[in-house]
Amino acid sequence: MGKHYEMTDGERAMLWKDFGSYVGENVKIGKGTKIGYHCQIYDGVVIGSNCTIQSNIRIAEGCVIGDNVVFKHGAVLTSHTTVKSN
């Protein structure tokens, strides 16, 4: 896990880091979010609450993801993409 990794609202998100997921620096992850195995989340990403990030997903630097968003297996977000809340 990268430095300065934090969960918002003082609650824990589920992250399968022991199964090859990577989280970069200055990443914020909202409460109730689940992140699957073999995911790559790069620097400066913000992920809202109650999101589901399934396995083998790449989220490039600077992306912002709203609340209640679901990404299916193998999705890729390019740099500085914004996804609105669902």
Foldseek 3Di string as FASTA:
>chain_A
DEPQEDEPPPADEAEPVVQQEAAYHPEYAYALEYAEHNEYHYPCEYAYHNEYHYPQEYEDHQEYEYYHHYDDPNYYHDYNHYHYHD
